[in-house]
């Protein structure tokens, strides 16, 4: 995945974040093929500061979403049966983008 330098995040760490937190979600075994990852929020708009968090949205087809959502709920990764607000599965989120930034947010 290409991460423009202007976004102010390390491309390798962003790839690590995706590999460890997004591409390991249950419910599909072809994450890279079925997920489209968008960087959103202040970084996408070009109005971020060095400490702005990293917001992403993951798009996929409805059947894939339903499968991943159900499997993630059943595994205790998310708390809602109807939505997908994702809190990182680890406490050391700062390993991705540093202590200065807030935790990455995935919706």
N, C-alpha and C. Protein backbone atom coordinates (compact mmCIF):
# COMPACT_ATOMS: atom_id res chain seq x y z
N UNK A 1 0.84 -1.17 0.00
CA UNK A 1 0.00 0.00 0.00
C UNK A 1 0.88 1.23 0.00
N UNK A 2 0.57 2.16 -0.86
CA UNK A 2 1.32 3.41 -0.93
C UNK A 2 0.79 4.39 0.11
N UNK A 3 1.68 4.90 0.95
CA UNK A 3 1.31 5.90 1.97
C UNK A 3 2.10 7.17 1.63
N UNK A 4 1.41 8.21 1.18
CA UNK A 4 2.13 9.46 0.84
C UNK A 4 2.86 10.03 2.05
N UNK A 5 4.05 10.53 1.82
CA UNK A 5 4.86 11.11 2.88
C UNK A 5 4.15 12.27 3.57
N UNK A 6 3.33 12.99 2.83
CA UNK A 6 2.63 14.15 3.38
C UNK A 6 1.67 13.78 4.51
N UNK A 7 1.32 12.51 4.64
CA UNK A 7 0.42 12.09 5.72
C UNK A 7 1.12 12.06 7.06
N UNK A 8 2.44 12.08 7.05
CA UNK A 8 3.19 12.16 8.29
C UNK A 8 3.23 10.88 9.11
N UNK A 9 3.05 9.73 8.46
CA UNK A 9 3.16 8.46 9.17
C UNK A 9 4.14 7.56 8.42
N UNK A 10 4.79 6.71 9.17
CA UNK A 10 5.77 5.80 8.58
C UNK A 10 5.03 4.71 7.81
N UNK A 11 5.32 4.58 6.53
CA UNK A 11 4.63 3.61 5.67
C UNK A 11 4.82 2.18 6.17
N UNK A 12 6.01 1.85 6.65
CA UNK A 12 6.27 0.50 7.14
C UNK A 12 5.46 0.20 8.40
N UNK A 13 5.32 1.20 9.27
CA UNK A 13 4.54 0.99 10.48
C UNK A 13 3.05 0.92 10.16
N UNK A 14 2.61 1.66 9.17
CA UNK A 14 1.22 1.57 8.76
C UNK A 14 0.93 0.18 8.20
N UNK A 15 1.83 -0.34 7.41
CA UNK A 15 1.68 -1.70 6.87
C UNK A 15 1.67 -2.73 8.01
N UNK A 16 2.52 -2.52 8.99
CA UNK A 16 2.53 -3.42 10.16
C UNK A 16 1.19 -3.36 10.89
N UNK A 17 0.67 -2.16 11.08
CA UNK A 17 -0.63 -1.99 11.71
C UNK A 17 -1.71 -2.78 10.95
N UNK A 18 -1.74 -2.63 9.64
CA UNK A 18 -2.73 -3.36 8.84
C UNK A 18 -2.54 -4.87 8.97
N UNK A 19 -1.29 -5.32 8.87
CA UNK A 19 -1.01 -6.76 8.94
C UNK A 19 -1.41 -7.36 10.29
N UNK A 20 -1.17 -6.64 11.36
CA UNK A 20 -1.42 -7.18 12.70
C UNK A 20 -2.85 -6.97 13.19
N UNK A 21 -3.48 -5.88 12.79
CA UNK A 21 -4.77 -5.53 13.37
C UNK A 21 -5.96 -5.70 12.42
N UNK A 22 -5.75 -5.50 11.14
CA UNK A 22 -6.86 -5.54 10.19
C UNK A 22 -6.87 -6.84 9.40
N UNK A 23 -5.73 -7.22 8.87
CA UNK A 23 -5.67 -8.40 8.01
C UNK A 23 -5.69 -9.72 8.79
N UNK A 24 -5.87 -9.64 10.09
CA UNK A 24 -5.99 -10.85 10.92
C UNK A 24 -7.40 -11.02 11.47
N UNK A 25 -8.31 -10.13 11.11
CA UNK A 25 -9.68 -10.25 11.62
C UNK A 25 -10.31 -11.55 11.11
N UNK A 26 -11.11 -12.20 11.94
CA UNK A 26 -11.77 -13.44 11.51
C UNK A 26 -12.91 -13.16 10.54
N UNK A 27 -13.33 -14.18 9.82
CA UNK A 27 -14.49 -14.05 8.94
C UNK A 27 -14.17 -14.04 7.46
N UNK A 28 -12.91 -13.88 7.13
CA UNK A 28 -12.46 -13.98 5.74
C UNK A 28 -11.00 -14.42 5.75
N UNK A 29 -10.58 -15.05 4.70
CA UNK A 29 -9.17 -15.44 4.61
C UNK A 29 -8.50 -14.74 3.42
N UNK A 30 -9.18 -13.76 2.86
CA UNK A 30 -8.61 -13.03 1.73
C UNK A 30 -8.72 -11.53 1.97
N UNK A 31 -8.21 -11.09 3.10
CA UNK A 31 -8.33 -9.69 3.53
C UNK A 31 -7.87 -8.69 2.48
N UNK A 32 -6.69 -8.91 1.94
CA UNK A 32 -6.13 -7.95 0.98
C UNK A 32 -6.96 -7.86 -0.29
N UNK A 33 -7.60 -8.93 -0.65
CA UNK A 33 -8.41 -8.94 -1.87
C UNK A 33 -9.79 -8.31 -1.66
N UNK A 34 -10.34 -8.41 -0.47
CA UNK A 34 -11.72 -7.97 -0.25
C UNK A 34 -11.85 -6.66 0.52
N UNK A 35 -10.77 -6.20 1.16
CA UNK A 35 -10.79 -4.95 1.92
C UNK A 35 -10.17 -3.82 1.10
N UNK A 36 -10.78 -2.66 1.16
CA UNK A 36 -10.19 -1.43 0.66
C UNK A 36 -9.98 -0.53 1.86
N UNK A 37 -8.74 -0.13 2.12
CA UNK A 37 -8.40 0.66 3.29
C UNK A 37 -8.24 2.12 2.88
N UNK A 38 -8.97 3.00 3.58
CA UNK A 38 -8.89 4.43 3.33
C UNK A 38 -8.38 5.14 4.58
N UNK A 39 -7.43 6.03 4.42
CA UNK A 39 -7.02 6.89 5.52
C UNK A 39 -7.96 8.08 5.49
N UNK A 40 -8.57 8.38 6.64
CA UNK A 40 -9.56 9.45 6.72
C UNK A 40 -9.14 10.47 7.77
N UNK A 41 -10.05 11.34 8.14
CA UNK A 41 -9.81 12.31 9.20
C UNK A 41 -8.85 13.40 8.79
N UNK A 42 -8.20 13.97 9.79
CA UNK A 42 -7.34 15.14 9.55
C UNK A 42 -6.15 14.82 8.65
N UNK A 43 -5.65 13.62 8.70
CA UNK A 43 -4.51 13.27 7.83
C UNK A 43 -4.93 13.24 6.37
N UNK A 44 -6.11 12.73 6.09
CA UNK A 44 -6.60 12.69 4.71
C UNK A 44 -6.89 14.10 4.20
N UNK A 45 -7.33 14.97 5.09
CA UNK A 45 -7.67 16.33 4.69
C UNK A 45 -6.47 17.26 4.65
N UNK A 46 -5.31 16.77 5.13
CA UNK A 46 -4.11 17.59 5.12
C UNK A 46 -4.08 18.65 6.21
N UNK A 47 -4.86 18.46 7.26
CA UNK A 47 -4.91 19.44 8.34
C UNK A 47 -4.45 18.82 9.67
N UNK A 48 -3.64 17.78 9.58
CA UNK A 48 -3.18 17.08 10.77
C UNK A 48 -2.00 17.80 11.41
N UNK A 49 -1.78 17.46 12.66
CA UNK A 49 -0.59 17.89 13.38
C UNK A 49 0.28 16.64 13.57
N UNK A 50 1.50 16.81 14.03
CA UNK A 50 2.34 15.62 14.25
C UNK A 50 1.74 14.62 15.25
N UNK A 51 0.84 15.07 16.12
CA UNK A 51 0.26 14.18 17.12
C UNK A 51 -1.16 13.72 16.78
N UNK A 52 -1.66 14.07 15.61
CA UNK A 52 -2.99 13.61 15.21
C UNK A 52 -3.01 12.09 15.11
N UNK A 53 -4.14 11.50 15.51
CA UNK A 53 -4.22 10.05 15.42
C UNK A 53 -4.40 9.63 13.96
N UNK A 54 -4.35 8.33 13.73
CA UNK A 54 -4.47 7.78 12.38
C UNK A 54 -5.85 7.12 12.29
N UNK A 55 -6.72 7.70 11.48
CA UNK A 55 -8.07 7.18 11.29
C UNK A 55 -8.14 6.44 9.97
N UNK A 56 -8.74 5.25 9.99
CA UNK A 56 -8.95 4.52 8.75
C UNK A 56 -10.39 4.01 8.68
N UNK A 57 -10.84 3.82 7.48
CA UNK A 57 -12.11 3.17 7.20
C UNK A 57 -11.78 2.00 6.28
N UNK A 58 -12.38 0.86 6.55
CA UNK A 58 -12.18 -0.31 5.71
C UNK A 58 -13.49 -0.60 5.00
N UNK A 59 -13.44 -0.61 3.68
CA UNK A 59 -14.62 -0.90 2.87
C UNK A 59 -14.56 -2.33 2.36
N UNK A 60 -15.73 -2.95 2.26
CA UNK A 60 -15.81 -4.29 1.69
C UNK A 60 -17.26 -4.55 1.29
N UNK A 61 -17.48 -5.60 0.54
CA UNK A 61 -18.83 -5.96 0.11
C UNK A 61 -19.67 -6.38 1.32
N UNK A 62 -20.96 -6.20 1.24
CA UNK A 62 -21.87 -6.50 2.34
C UNK A 62 -21.71 -7.94 2.87
N UNK A 63 -21.66 -8.96 2.01
CA UNK A 63 -21.50 -10.32 2.55
C UNK A 63 -20.19 -10.51 3.33
N UNK A 64 -19.13 -9.86 2.89
CA UNK A 64 -17.85 -9.95 3.60
C UNK A 64 -17.97 -9.24 4.94
N UNK A 65 -18.56 -8.04 4.93
CA UNK A 65 -18.76 -7.30 6.17
C UNK A 65 -19.54 -8.13 7.18
N UNK A 66 -20.63 -8.72 6.75
CA UNK A 66 -21.46 -9.50 7.66
C UNK A 66 -20.69 -10.68 8.25
N UNK A 67 -19.88 -11.33 7.44
CA UNK A 67 -19.07 -12.45 7.90
C UNK A 67 -18.02 -12.01 8.92
N UNK A 68 -17.29 -10.94 8.59
CA UNK A 68 -16.25 -10.43 9.48
C UNK A 68 -16.86 -9.86 10.75
N UNK A 69 -17.97 -9.15 10.62
CA UNK A 69 -18.63 -8.58 11.79
C UNK A 69 -19.10 -9.67 12.74
N UNK A 70 -19.75 -10.69 12.24
CA UNK A 70 -20.26 -11.79 13.06
C UNK A 70 -19.10 -12.54 13.72
N UNK A 71 -18.08 -12.87 12.94
CA UNK A 71 -16.94 -13.62 13.48
C UNK A 71 -16.18 -12.80 14.53
N UNK A 72 -16.06 -11.50 14.30
CA UNK A 72 -15.37 -10.64 15.26
C UNK A 72 -16.18 -10.49 16.55
N UNK A 73 -17.49 -10.40 16.44
CA UNK A 73 -18.35 -10.34 17.62
C UNK A 73 -18.25 -11.66 18.40
N UNK A 74 -18.37 -12.76 17.69
CA UNK A 74 -18.29 -14.07 18.34
C UNK A 74 -16.95 -14.28 19.05
N UNK A 75 -15.88 -13.71 18.49
CA UNK A 75 -14.54 -13.85 19.08
C UNK A 75 -14.29 -12.84 20.20
N UNK A 76 -15.23 -11.92 20.43
CA UNK A 76 -15.07 -10.92 21.48
C UNK A 76 -14.19 -9.75 21.10
N UNK A 77 -13.92 -9.60 19.81
CA UNK A 77 -13.07 -8.50 19.34
C UNK A 77 -13.85 -7.19 19.34
N UNK A 78 -15.12 -7.25 19.00
CA UNK A 78 -15.99 -6.08 19.03
C UNK A 78 -17.16 -6.38 19.97
N UNK A 79 -17.84 -5.33 20.42
CA UNK A 79 -18.90 -5.48 21.41
C UNK A 79 -20.30 -5.33 20.85
N UNK A 80 -20.44 -4.97 19.59
CA UNK A 80 -21.75 -4.71 19.01
C UNK A 80 -22.12 -5.77 17.98
N UNK A 81 -23.36 -6.20 18.03
CA UNK A 81 -23.85 -7.14 17.02
C UNK A 81 -24.25 -6.43 15.73
N UNK A 82 -24.34 -5.11 15.75
CA UNK A 82 -24.84 -4.38 14.59
C UNK A 82 -23.82 -3.44 13.95
N UNK A 83 -22.76 -3.12 14.62
CA UNK A 83 -21.79 -2.18 14.09
C UNK A 83 -20.39 -2.73 14.22
N UNK A 84 -19.44 -1.93 13.80
CA UNK A 84 -18.05 -2.37 13.87
C UNK A 84 -17.17 -1.20 14.27
N UNK A 85 -17.16 -0.90 15.56
CA UNK A 85 -16.22 0.08 16.11
C UNK A 85 -15.10 -0.73 16.71
N UNK A 86 -13.92 -0.61 16.19
CA UNK A 86 -12.81 -1.50 16.53
C UNK A 86 -11.83 -0.82 17.46
N UNK A 87 -11.62 -1.43 18.61
CA UNK A 87 -10.60 -0.98 19.55
C UNK A 87 -9.45 -1.98 19.43
N UNK A 88 -8.25 -1.47 19.36
CA UNK A 88 -7.10 -2.36 19.18
C UNK A 88 -7.08 -3.48 20.21
N UNK A 89 -6.64 -4.62 19.78
CA UNK A 89 -6.63 -5.81 20.64
C UNK A 89 -5.47 -5.82 21.62
N UNK A 90 -4.58 -4.88 21.53
CA UNK A 90 -3.41 -4.83 22.41
C UNK A 90 -3.38 -3.49 23.13
N UNK A 91 -2.69 -3.47 24.26
CA UNK A 91 -2.56 -2.22 25.01
C UNK A 91 -1.43 -1.35 24.51
N UNK A 92 -0.50 -1.91 23.79
CA UNK A 92 0.68 -1.13 23.37
C UNK A 92 0.52 -0.61 21.94
N UNK A 93 -0.58 0.09 21.69
CA UNK A 93 -0.85 0.64 20.36
C UNK A 93 0.21 1.62 19.90
N UNK A 94 0.92 2.23 20.85
CA UNK A 94 1.91 3.23 20.48
C UNK A 94 3.08 2.64 19.69
N UNK A 95 3.18 1.32 19.61
CA UNK A 95 4.27 0.70 18.83
C UNK A 95 4.14 0.99 17.34
N UNK A 96 2.96 1.37 16.90
CA UNK A 96 2.76 1.63 15.47
C UNK A 96 3.21 3.03 15.06
N UNK A 97 2.77 4.03 15.80
CA UNK A 97 3.03 5.41 15.36
C UNK A 97 3.65 6.29 16.43
N UNK A 98 3.99 5.73 17.58
CA UNK A 98 4.65 6.48 18.63
C UNK A 98 3.71 6.93 19.73
N UNK A 99 4.29 7.30 20.86
CA UNK A 99 3.52 7.70 22.03
C UNK A 99 2.82 9.04 21.85
N UNK A 100 3.32 9.88 20.96
CA UNK A 100 2.76 11.22 20.78
C UNK A 100 1.37 11.18 20.15
N UNK A 101 1.10 10.18 19.34
CA UNK A 101 -0.18 10.08 18.63
C UNK A 101 -1.17 9.28 19.45
N UNK A 102 -2.45 9.57 19.24
CA UNK A 102 -3.48 8.78 19.85
C UNK A 102 -3.54 7.40 19.21
N UNK A 103 -4.35 6.50 19.78
CA UNK A 103 -4.44 5.16 19.19
C UNK A 103 -5.08 5.21 17.80
N UNK A 104 -4.65 4.34 16.90
CA UNK A 104 -5.29 4.28 15.59
C UNK A 104 -6.76 3.91 15.75
N UNK A 105 -7.60 4.48 14.91
CA UNK A 105 -9.04 4.25 14.98
C UNK A 105 -9.49 3.59 13.69
N UNK A 106 -10.22 2.52 13.85
CA UNK A 106 -10.71 1.75 12.70
C UNK A 106 -12.21 1.62 12.79
N UNK A 107 -12.88 2.00 11.73
CA UNK A 107 -14.33 1.90 11.69
C UNK A 107 -14.73 1.16 10.44
